[in-house]
Amino acid sequence: MAFRKDFLWGGATAANQFEGGFDEGGKGLSVPDVMTGGTKTCPRHITDGIFEEYHYPSHEAVDFFHRYKEDIALYGEMGFKCFRMSINWTRLFPRGDEKEPNREGVEFYRKVFEECRKYGIEPLVTISHYELPYYLAKEYGGWSNRRLIDFFLNYCGTLFREYRGLVRYWLTFNEINILLMGAYGNIMGGGILPPGRDTAVGVLAGLDESWDDEQRWYTALHHQLVASAKAVKLAHETDKENRVGCMVLSRIAYPYTCRPDDVLKAQQTMELANYYCGDVHVRGEYPAFAGRLWREKGIEIPFGPGDKEALKEGRVDFFSFSYYSSSTATDDPNVPVAAGNMMRGPANPYLEQSQWGWTIDPKGLRYLLNEFYGRWRIPLMVVENGLGAEDKVETDGSIHDQYRIEYMKEHIRQMAEAVEDGVDLMGYTVWGCTDLVSAGTGEMAKRYGLVYVDKDNEGKGSLERSRKDSFYWYKKVIESNGEECFR
């Protein structure tokens, strides 16, 4: 088989979608805590504070805060080698700008990591996954303010010191390139808030972006890239065993036709989506195409003293990314549009789509793995991949999600092909290994998990966990180091 013996099979979650306990243990408010629930046809809203008339799904999420031992035991039963999770910044620093952490929050995550270790599971910790402290967003303007670099590094230093020996694998920012994908990306990834008491947000919302501007997007992203690089250096200085990666929202844009205009548009889409941030993380400098991009957009990158040196000194140890679907590129306005992870693009007529309108393209994953490894030649990891679908619970409690098994099987097969192509692939964590709140829509009906959670879009349910068919199948995949996908 293609996969190496120490391949990191596992699953992935995010605190704001999974953890709950939003006002317990000294935790402060984060930006997702003021985002309401939605559906695939109704957008989420972001509110200026918390109001009784709204349902905020992150407040309870699926209650990992109280059920972490049960959840980690299920991951141990599946044979996870790795569990990707994130820290709620406001559980350690309720406002985000304090000098000393909340000890109750520190000890909560220590217990979580110790529980993982009990089952031989390596924690892969995302330091910032769409959970910026609300105070930093309101009082400082989010990541558009350079002061957040120091606040972030103080937070990182606490993590690296407190969990030395418990955590070896880190990711700095989740899908950092979302900051270049419109105002909704700036809200989720940058904590840059729209004006008003109540604003519809998301790709369905038709959000008025007049309050925002691209200069602020690129400014906030530069601050995050500098913060990421400095965090990598700090992690290595704190413990030479630390391995730190970046994480981008990957995007494939096939040319819709072989017209040169479509080919060039596809190339430019891929460059901006994947390589603008990827090159900074891996090569320590902005890519060559960035200069023209900035000139044509009238963008001024706010380089501070020592920024260029910091980017060089803080190059990552491995490159990770999310992959769910692909799209095409064309300037033809008559081509139907398909949905995707935090984005929309011209649909590919050769591919099927999920219930949520996302194209299903396993071979696209092989294509990306080869592209990324050919460009950077450092280890790669697929840290998000999975199928969001409505699951039916049978009268006997069973959940027959063969559609999810087929999706995962075909993507894992293509990962194996990429490894045979020469790619150094270190791991795979299926997204939403336990059902959780959808980031894009805020709903529970869009389920990714191998473990079912009894909860609905309105927040009702027992929160009881149950194993889907995919749970037992993925256990066989891990036991066989992937061979189950070829039987």
Protein backbone atom coordinates (compact mmCIF):
# COMPACT_ATOMS: atom_id res chain seq x y z
CA MET A 1 0.00 0.00 0.00
CA ALA A 2 0.99 3.56 -0.62
CA PHE A 3 0.48 5.03 2.85
CA ARG A 4 3.45 5.06 5.20
CA LYS A 5 3.32 3.10 8.45
CA ASP A 6 3.06 6.21 10.63
CA PHE A 7 0.25 7.74 8.55
CA LEU A 8 -1.93 10.00 10.72
CA TRP A 9 -5.48 8.74 10.19
CA GLY A 10 -8.09 10.64 12.16
CA GLY A 11 -10.83 13.24 12.26
CA ALA A 12 -11.22 16.99 12.56
CA THR A 13 -13.43 19.45 14.45
CA ALA A 14 -13.47 23.14 15.40
CA ALA A 15 -14.21 24.47 18.87
CA ASN A 16 -16.78 27.04 17.76
CA GLN A 17 -18.80 24.33 15.98
CA PHE A 18 -18.22 21.49 18.43
CA GLU A 19 -17.30 22.51 21.95
CA GLY A 20 -20.18 24.50 23.47
CA GLY A 21 -19.96 25.69 27.07
CA PHE A 22 -19.78 29.24 25.71
CA ASP A 23 -20.25 30.92 29.11
CA GLU A 24 -18.71 28.29 31.39
CA GLY A 25 -15.27 27.96 32.91
CA GLY A 26 -14.44 31.65 32.56
CA LYS A 27 -14.79 31.67 28.77
CA GLY A 28 -15.43 35.01 27.06
CA LEU A 29 -17.48 35.79 23.96
CA SER A 30 -16.04 35.00 20.54
CA VAL A 31 -17.31 36.17 17.16
CA PRO A 32 -19.18 32.89 16.42
CA ASP A 33 -21.05 33.32 19.71
CA VAL A 34 -22.98 36.23 18.13
CA MET A 35 -23.81 34.34 14.91
CA THR A 36 -27.30 32.89 14.60
CA GLY A 37 -28.36 29.59 13.10
CA GLY A 38 -29.43 29.30 9.47
CA THR A 39 -30.18 26.67 6.84
CA LYS A 40 -29.15 25.89 3.27
CA THR A 41 -31.86 28.30 2.07
CA CYS A 42 -31.78 30.90 4.87
CA PRO A 43 -28.58 32.81 5.74
CA ARG A 44 -27.02 33.16 9.17
CA HIS A 45 -27.06 36.56 10.89
CA ILE A 46 -24.42 38.28 12.96
CA THR A 47 -25.73 40.42 15.80
CA ASP A 48 -24.21 43.20 17.88
CA GLY A 49 -24.22 41.19 21.10
CA ILE A 50 -26.55 38.41 22.22
CA PHE A 51 -30.34 38.73 22.00
CA GLU A 52 -32.92 36.37 23.52
CA GLU A 53 -35.00 36.04 20.36
CA TYR A 54 -32.21 34.31 18.43
CA HIS A 55 -30.74 30.82 18.46
CA TYR A 56 -26.92 30.87 18.59
CA PRO A 57 -25.73 27.34 17.73
CA SER A 58 -22.16 27.76 19.05
CA HIS A 59 -23.43 28.27 22.60
CA GLU A 60 -24.02 24.57 23.11
CA ALA A 61 -22.83 23.21 19.77
CA VAL A 62 -22.71 19.45 20.45
CA ASP A 63 -21.31 19.86 23.96
CA PHE A 64 -17.81 18.44 23.65
CA PHE A 65 -17.08 20.62 26.69
CA HIS A 66 -18.97 18.18 28.92
CA ARG A 67 -18.68 15.05 26.78
CA TYR A 68 -15.04 15.08 25.69
CA LYS A 69 -14.24 11.77 27.39
CA GLU A 70 -17.11 10.04 25.58
CA ASP A 71 -16.13 11.53 22.23
CA ILE A 72 -12.43 10.73 22.55
CA ALA A 73 -13.29 7.18 23.60
CA LEU A 74 -15.24 6.79 20.34
CA TYR A 75 -12.20 8.06 18.42
CA GLY A 76 -10.07 5.56 20.28
CA GLU A 77 -12.51 2.82 19.32
CA MET A 78 -12.15 3.81 15.67
CA GLY A 79 -8.38 3.65 16.05
CA PHE A 80 -7.61 7.32 15.42
CA LYS A 81 -3.92 8.12 15.22
CA CYS A 82 -4.67 11.83 15.18
CA PHE A 83 -7.45 14.16 16.35
CA ARG A 84 -7.52 17.63 14.86
CA MET A 85 -9.24 20.09 17.18
CA SER A 86 -9.00 23.79 17.91
CA ILE A 87 -8.62 25.92 21.01
CA ASN A 88 -11.23 28.51 21.88
CA TRP A 89 -9.01 31.58 22.30
CA THR A 90 -11.57 33.11 24.70
CA ARG A 91 -11.48 30.08 26.98
CA LEU A 92 -7.86 30.98 27.77
CA PHE A 93 -8.06 34.76 27.28
CA PRO A 94 -11.69 35.92 27.64
CA ARG A 95 -11.07 39.32 26.03
CA GLY A 96 -8.02 38.30 24.03
CA ASP A 97 -5.67 41.04 25.22
CA GLU A 98 -4.97 39.86 28.79
CA LYS A 99 -1.41 39.06 29.78
CA GLU A 100 -2.23 36.05 31.96
CA PRO A 101 -4.51 33.16 30.94
CA ASN A 102 -7.64 31.87 32.61
CA ARG A 103 -6.33 28.84 34.51
CA GLU A 104 -9.63 26.98 34.33
CA GLY A 105 -9.46 27.11 30.54
CA VAL A 106 -5.83 26.01 30.50
CA GLU A 107 -6.65 22.98 32.64
CA PHE A 108 -9.68 22.02 30.54
CA TYR A 109 -7.55 21.56 27.43
CA ARG A 110 -4.84 19.81 29.41
CA LYS A 111 -7.42 17.18 30.40
CA VAL A 112 -8.54 16.88 26.77
CA PHE A 113 -4.97 16.29 25.56
CA GLU A 114 -4.28 13.81 28.34
CA GLU A 115 -7.43 11.92 27.37
CA CYS A 116 -6.21 11.77 23.76
CA ARG A 117 -2.85 10.43 24.91
CA LYS A 118 -4.61 7.70 26.90
CA TYR A 119 -5.81 6.26 23.58
CA GLY A 120 -2.56 6.84 21.71
CA ILE A 121 -4.05 9.73 19.74
CA GLU A 122 -1.84 12.62 18.62
CA PRO A 123 -3.60 15.97 19.04
CA LEU A 124 -3.29 18.24 16.02
CA VAL A 125 -4.22 21.64 17.38
CA THR A 126 -5.47 24.55 15.30
CA ILE A 127 -4.59 27.68 17.26
CA SER A 128 -7.10 29.97 15.55
CA HIS A 129 -10.15 28.46 13.83
CA TYR A 130 -12.79 31.16 13.25
CA GLU A 131 -13.10 32.04 16.96
CA LEU A 132 -11.57 35.50 17.36
CA PRO A 133 -12.47 37.07 20.71
CA TYR A 134 -15.46 39.37 20.24
CA TYR A 135 -13.73 42.02 22.34
CA LEU A 136 -10.81 42.15 19.91
CA ALA A 137 -13.25 42.49 17.02
CA LYS A 138 -15.26 45.27 18.67
CA GLU A 139 -12.50 47.25 20.37
CA TYR A 140 -9.59 46.77 17.97
CA GLY A 141 -11.23 46.15 14.59
CA GLY A 142 -10.09 42.53 14.40
CA TRP A 143 -7.04 41.57 12.38
CA SER A 144 -7.01 44.87 10.51
CA ASN A 145 -5.24 46.13 13.66
CA ARG A 146 -1.55 45.22 13.88
CA ARG A 147 -1.75 45.02 17.67
CA LEU A 148 -3.41 41.62 17.33
CA ILE A 149 -0.06 40.12 16.35
CA ASP A 150 1.25 40.60 19.89
CA PHE A 151 -1.98 39.37 21.48
CA PHE A 152 -1.85 36.27 19.30
CA LEU A 153 1.79 35.56 20.16
CA ASN A 154 1.06 35.85 23.87
CA TYR A 155 -1.74 33.32 23.37
CA CYS A 156 0.57 31.03 21.36
CA GLY A 157 3.35 31.24 23.92
CA THR A 158 0.91 30.09 26.59
CA LEU A 159 -0.12 27.10 24.48
CA PHE A 160 3.43 26.05 23.66
CA ARG A 161 4.56 26.29 27.29
CA GLU A 162 1.52 24.74 28.96
CA TYR A 163 1.14 21.79 26.58
CA ARG A 164 4.77 20.97 25.95
CA GLY A 165 5.02 17.21 25.68
CA LEU A 166 1.27 16.80 25.20
CA VAL A 167 0.94 18.47 21.78
CA ARG A 168 3.55 18.21 19.02
CA TYR A 169 1.52 19.12 15.93
CA TRP A 170 0.12 22.62 15.48
CA LEU A 171 -1.67 24.64 12.78
CA THR A 172 -1.59 28.42 13.09
CA PHE A 173 -4.72 29.70 11.29
CA ASN A 174 -7.55 27.70 9.78
CA GLU A 175 -8.16 28.44 6.08
CA ILE A 176 -6.17 31.66 6.35
CA ASN A 177 -6.91 32.56 2.72
CA ILE A 178 -10.61 33.02 3.49
CA LEU A 179 -9.69 36.65 4.15
CA LEU A 180 -9.48 37.13 0.37
CA MET A 181 -12.93 35.64 -0.31
CA GLY A 182 -15.21 38.57 0.48
CA ALA A 183 -16.69 40.27 3.49
CA TYR A 184 -18.02 37.02 4.97
CA GLY A 185 -14.47 35.68 4.98
CA ASN A 186 -13.33 38.79 6.77
CA ILE A 187 -16.01 38.29 9.42
CA MET A 188 -15.22 34.61 9.97
CA GLY A 189 -11.45 34.72 9.61
CA GLY A 190 -10.58 38.28 10.53
CA GLY A 191 -13.17 39.38 13.04
CA ILE A 192 -13.94 42.46 10.94
CA LEU A 193 -17.58 43.16 11.73
CA PRO A 194 -20.30 44.84 9.65
CA PRO A 195 -22.13 47.83 11.12
CA GLY A 196 -25.62 47.47 12.58
CA ARG A 197 -27.44 45.41 15.17
CA ASP A 198 -28.33 42.50 12.90
CA THR A 199 -26.76 41.66 9.52
CA ALA A 200 -27.42 38.67 7.26
CA VAL A 201 -24.12 37.00 6.41
CA GLY A 202 -22.91 34.15 4.25
CA VAL A 203 -22.88 33.24 0.58
CA LEU A 204 -26.70 33.13 0.53
CA ALA A 205 -27.16 36.52 2.12
CA GLY A 206 -26.35 38.88 -0.69
CA LEU A 207 -24.34 40.78 1.90
CA ASP A 208 -23.82 44.45 1.18
CA GLU A 209 -20.04 44.70 1.18
CA SER A 210 -19.91 48.47 0.78
CA TRP A 211 -18.82 48.79 4.42
CA ASP A 212 -15.71 46.72 3.68
CA ASP A 213 -12.84 47.11 1.19
CA GLU A 214 -10.09 45.00 -0.29
CA GLN A 215 -7.34 47.08 1.29
CA ARG A 216 -8.58 45.94 4.68
CA TRP A 217 -8.68 42.30 3.52
CA TYR A 218 -5.05 42.35 2.45
CA THR A 219 -3.99 44.30 5.53
CA ALA A 220 -5.63 41.82 7.91
CA LEU A 221 -4.19 38.88 5.98
CA HIS A 222 -0.67 40.34 6.10
CA HIS A 223 -0.97 40.71 9.87
CA GLN A 224 -2.04 37.06 10.15
CA LEU A 225 0.79 35.85 7.93
CA VAL A 226 3.34 37.72 10.04
CA ALA A 227 1.73 36.40 13.23
CA SER A 228 1.79 32.87 11.83
CA ALA A 229 5.48 33.08 10.93
CA LYS A 230 6.40 34.44 14.35
CA ALA A 231 4.36 31.68 15.99
CA VAL A 232 6.26 29.03 14.00
CA LYS A 233 9.57 30.43 15.22
CA LEU A 234 8.29 30.65 18.80
CA ALA A 235 7.08 27.04 18.70
CA HIS A 236 10.46 25.80 17.52
CA GLU A 237 12.27 27.84 20.17
CA THR A 238 9.98 26.53 22.92
CA ASP A 239 10.33 22.87 21.97
CA LYS A 240 12.40 21.47 19.13
CA GLU A 241 9.89 18.58 18.87
CA ASN A 242 7.10 20.94 17.77
CA ARG A 243 5.97 20.65 14.17
CA VAL A 244 3.93 23.57 12.86
CA GLY A 245 1.90 23.69 9.68
CA CYS A 246 -0.27 26.17 7.84
CA MET A 247 -3.80 25.52 6.62
CA VAL A 248 -5.50 26.90 3.51
CA LEU A 249 -8.91 26.46 1.94
CA SER A 250 -7.87 24.79 -1.30
CA ARG A 251 -9.50 25.67 -4.57
CA ILE A 252 -9.45 23.98 -7.95
CA ALA A 253 -10.67 26.02 -10.89
CA TYR A 254 -10.56 23.97 -14.08
CA PRO A 255 -10.84 26.02 -17.29
CA TYR A 256 -14.51 25.77 -18.32
CA THR A 257 -13.36 25.53 -21.93
CA CYS A 258 -10.02 25.43 -23.69
CA ARG A 259 -10.37 29.08 -24.68
CA PRO A 260 -7.14 30.82 -23.61
CA ASP A 261 -9.19 33.35 -21.62
CA ASP A 262 -10.68 30.55 -19.53
CA VAL A 263 -7.28 28.92 -19.06
CA LEU A 264 -5.73 32.17 -17.85
CA LYS A 265 -8.68 32.85 -15.54
CA ALA A 266 -8.32 29.38 -14.04
CA GLN A 267 -4.60 29.93 -13.47
CA GLN A 268 -5.20 33.29 -11.80
CA THR A 269 -7.94 31.84 -9.59
CA MET A 270 -5.65 29.03 -8.43
CA GLU A 271 -2.79 31.44 -7.80
CA LEU A 272 -4.80 33.76 -5.60
CA ALA A 273 -6.66 31.01 -3.74
CA ASN A 274 -3.82 28.57 -3.11
CA TYR A 275 -0.42 30.15 -3.74
CA TYR A 276 -0.72 33.70 -2.43
CA CYS A 277 -0.73 32.44 1.16
CA GLY A 278 0.96 29.12 0.48
CA ASP A 279 4.14 30.71 -0.87
CA VAL A 280 4.42 33.02 2.14
CA HIS A 281 4.04 30.09 4.54
CA VAL A 282 6.40 27.72 2.74
CA ARG A 283 8.87 29.97 0.89
CA GLY A 284 8.83 32.86 3.34
CA GLU A 285 7.94 35.51 0.78
CA TYR A 286 5.04 36.69 -1.34
CA PRO A 287 4.81 35.09 -4.80
CA ALA A 288 6.00 36.84 -7.95
CA PHE A 289 2.47 37.51 -9.21
CA ALA A 290 1.60 39.47 -6.05
CA GLY A 291 3.29 42.67 -7.25
CA ARG A 292 1.04 43.12 -10.26
CA LEU A 293 -1.98 42.08 -8.22
CA TRP A 294 -1.31 44.81 -5.65
CA ARG A 295 -0.67 47.45 -8.31
CA GLU A 296 -3.84 46.73 -10.24
CA LYS A 297 -5.97 46.70 -7.09
CA GLY A 298 -4.27 49.71 -5.54
CA ILE A 299 -3.26 47.66 -2.50
CA GLU A 300 -0.51 48.76 -0.11
CA ILE A 301 0.83 45.92 2.03
CA PRO A 302 1.64 47.35 5.50
CA PHE A 303 5.13 45.92 5.89
CA GLY A 304 6.42 46.76 9.35
CA PRO A 305 10.05 46.74 10.50
CA GLY A 306 11.30 43.17 10.42
CA ASP A 307 8.23 41.70 8.70
CA LYS A 308 10.11 40.35 5.69
CA GLU A 309 12.74 38.76 7.93
CA ALA A 310 10.02 37.26 10.14
CA LEU A 311 8.33 35.65 7.15
CA LYS A 312 11.62 34.03 6.13
CA GLU A 313 12.41 32.82 9.63
CA GLY A 314 8.95 31.36 10.25
CA ARG A 315 8.49 28.92 7.39
CA VAL A 316 6.23 25.99 8.18
CA ASP A 317 7.20 22.34 8.63
CA PHE A 318 4.27 20.97 6.64
CA PHE A 319 1.40 22.22 4.49
CA SER A 320 -2.21 21.29 5.25
CA PHE A 321 -5.45 22.12 3.52
CA SER A 322 -9.18 21.47 3.28
CA TYR A 323 -10.63 19.84 0.18
CA TYR A 324 -14.30 19.13 -0.51
CA SER A 325 -15.06 19.99 -4.12
CA SER A 326 -13.88 21.75 -7.27
CA SER A 327 -15.23 24.36 -9.65
CA THR A 328 -14.39 25.87 -13.03
CA ALA A 329 -13.30 29.29 -14.28
CA THR A 330 -14.83 31.31 -17.08
CA ASP A 331 -15.96 34.84 -17.85
CA ASP A 332 -19.17 33.51 -19.42
CA PRO A 333 -22.02 34.80 -17.18
CA ASN A 334 -24.46 32.20 -18.52
CA VAL A 335 -22.67 29.21 -16.93
CA PRO A 336 -24.66 27.84 -13.93
CA VAL A 337 -23.05 28.38 -10.54
CA ALA A 338 -22.29 25.63 -8.01
CA ALA A 339 -21.76 26.07 -4.27
CA GLY A 340 -18.63 25.12 -2.36
CA ASN A 341 -16.70 25.61 0.85
CA MET A 342 -17.27 29.32 1.64
CA MET A 343 -17.38 30.10 -2.10
CA ARG A 344 -19.27 29.73 -5.35
CA GLY A 345 -17.99 29.10 -8.86
CA PRO A 346 -19.08 28.01 -12.34
CA ALA A 347 -20.35 24.44 -12.19
CA ASN A 348 -18.57 21.54 -13.85
CA PRO A 349 -21.05 19.67 -16.10
CA TYR A 350 -19.04 16.44 -15.81
CA LEU A 351 -19.45 16.11 -12.04
CA GLU A 352 -22.29 15.19 -9.70
CA GLN A 353 -23.25 17.44 -6.79
CA SER A 354 -24.09 16.83 -3.14
CA GLN A 355 -27.40 17.75 -1.48
CA TRP A 356 -25.89 21.17 -0.76
CA GLY A 357 -24.83 21.72 -4.37
CA TRP A 358 -21.11 20.99 -3.89
CA THR A 359 -19.43 19.12 -6.73
CA ILE A 360 -17.96 15.69 -5.91
CA ASP A 361 -14.51 15.36 -7.47
CA PRO A 362 -12.15 12.80 -5.89
CA LYS A 363 -9.61 13.07 -8.72
CA GLY A 364 -9.35 16.77 -7.99
CA LEU A 365 -7.71 15.85 -4.69
CA ARG A 366 -5.00 13.88 -6.47
CA TYR A 367 -4.51 16.81 -8.83
CA LEU A 368 -4.08 19.27 -5.96
CA LEU A 369 -1.73 17.02 -4.01
CA ASN A 370 0.54 16.77 -7.02
CA GLU A 371 0.36 20.50 -7.66
CA PHE A 372 1.17 21.42 -4.07
CA TYR A 373 4.00 18.91 -3.64
CA GLY A 374 5.50 19.80 -6.99
CA ARG A 375 5.57 23.48 -5.98
CA TRP A 376 6.78 23.20 -2.38
CA ARG A 377 8.32 19.76 -1.72
CA ILE A 378 7.36 19.64 1.95
CA PRO A 379 5.06 17.08 3.66
CA LEU A 380 1.34 17.57 2.99
CA MET A 381 -1.71 16.73 5.07
CA VAL A 382 -5.40 16.68 4.14
CA VAL A 383 -7.01 18.01 7.33
CA GLU A 384 -10.57 18.50 6.08
CA ASN A 385 -12.49 16.31 3.66
CA GLY A 386 -15.96 14.88 3.97
CA LEU A 387 -19.55 14.85 2.77
CA GLY A 388 -22.29 16.98 4.29
CA ALA A 389 -25.63 15.18 3.97
CA GLU A 390 -28.97 14.59 5.65
CA ASP A 391 -28.80 11.30 7.55
CA LYS A 392 -31.84 9.15 8.28
CA VAL A 393 -32.06 7.33 11.61
CA GLU A 394 -33.81 3.96 11.17
CA THR A 395 -36.31 2.61 13.68
CA ASP A 396 -33.62 0.40 15.19
CA GLY A 397 -31.29 3.41 15.59
CA SER A 398 -28.95 2.48 12.75
CA ILE A 399 -27.71 5.04 10.18
CA HIS A 400 -26.83 3.64 6.78
CA ASP A 401 -24.65 6.36 5.23
CA GLN A 402 -23.20 4.43 2.31
CA TYR A 403 -23.05 7.70 0.34
CA ARG A 404 -20.51 9.03 2.86
CA ILE A 405 -18.50 5.81 2.73
CA GLU A 406 -18.33 6.01 -1.07
CA TYR A 407 -17.27 9.66 -0.94
CA MET A 408 -14.46 8.98 1.52
CA LYS A 409 -13.38 5.77 -0.20
CA GLU A 410 -12.93 7.45 -3.57
CA HIS A 411 -10.98 10.36 -2.07
CA ILE A 412 -8.69 8.05 -0.12
CA ARG A 413 -8.06 6.04 -3.28
CA GLN A 414 -6.97 9.20 -5.04
CA MET A 415 -4.71 10.09 -2.12
CA ALA A 416 -3.04 6.71 -2.58
CA GLU A 417 -2.57 7.46 -6.27
CA ALA A 418 -0.92 10.77 -5.36
CA VAL A 419 1.45 9.01 -2.98
CA GLU A 420 2.36 6.61 -5.79
CA ASP A 421 2.96 9.72 -7.92
CA GLY A 422 5.65 10.72 -5.40
CA VAL A 423 3.75 12.98 -2.99
CA ASP A 424 4.87 12.97 0.67
CA LEU A 425 1.49 12.71 2.40
CA MET A 426 1.58 12.51 6.21
CA GLY A 427 -2.07 12.22 7.19
CA TYR A 428 -5.80 12.55 6.64
CA THR A 429 -8.44 13.83 9.07
CA VAL A 430 -12.05 13.53 7.94
CA TRP A 431 -14.05 16.66 8.65
CA GLY A 432 -16.69 16.60 11.34
CA CYS A 433 -15.86 13.12 12.62
CA THR A 434 -18.71 13.75 15.07
CA ASP A 435 -21.72 15.69 13.79
CA LEU A 436 -21.30 19.40 14.49
CA VAL A 437 -22.69 22.82 13.58
CA SER A 438 -22.11 23.88 9.97
CA ALA A 439 -19.85 26.94 9.77
CA GLY A 440 -21.43 28.23 6.58
CA THR A 441 -25.10 27.79 7.46
CA GLY A 442 -25.13 27.26 11.22
CA GLU A 443 -27.36 24.20 10.88
CA MET A 444 -27.20 20.64 12.22
CA ALA A 445 -29.07 19.01 9.32
CA LYS A 446 -25.92 19.17 7.20
CA ARG A 447 -24.11 16.27 8.85
CA TYR A 448 -20.53 15.21 8.19
CA GLY A 449 -19.96 12.90 11.11
CA LEU A 450 -19.15 9.25 11.45
CA VAL A 451 -20.79 9.64 14.86
CA TYR A 452 -24.39 10.88 14.91
CA VAL A 453 -25.52 13.50 17.44
CA ASP A 454 -29.19 13.77 18.35
CA LYS A 455 -29.75 17.48 17.82
CA ASP A 456 -31.73 19.52 15.28
CA ASN A 457 -31.41 22.95 13.68
CA GLU A 458 -33.36 24.58 16.51
CA GLY A 459 -30.99 23.20 19.13
CA LYS A 460 -33.37 20.50 20.37
CA GLY A 461 -32.29 16.95 21.11
CA SER A 462 -30.70 14.65 23.66
CA LEU A 463 -27.12 15.08 22.32
CA GLU A 464 -26.84 11.29 22.50
CA ARG A 465 -24.07 9.85 20.30
CA SER A 466 -24.53 6.84 18.02
CA ARG A 467 -22.32 5.10 15.47
CA LYS A 468 -23.10 5.34 11.76
CA ASP A 469 -22.14 2.66 9.23
CA SER A 470 -19.24 4.92 8.23
CA PHE A 471 -17.89 4.63 11.79
CA TYR A 472 -17.34 0.88 11.43
CA TRP A 473 -16.03 1.25 7.87
CA TYR A 474 -13.48 3.93 8.80
CA LYS A 475 -12.27 1.75 11.66
CA LYS A 476 -11.42 -0.93 9.07
CA VAL A 477 -9.69 1.66 6.89
CA ILE A 478 -7.43 2.70 9.77
CA GLU A 479 -6.76 -0.91 10.84
CA SER A 480 -5.70 -1.79 7.29
CA ASN A 481 -3.78 1.47 6.71
CA GLY A 482 -6.07 2.23 3.79
CA GLU A 483 -6.27 -1.21 2.18
CA GLU A 484 -9.99 -1.43 2.97
CA CYS A 485 -10.59 1.17 0.26
CA PHE A 486 -9.26 -1.23 -2.40
CA ARG A 487 -11.19 -4.35 -1.39
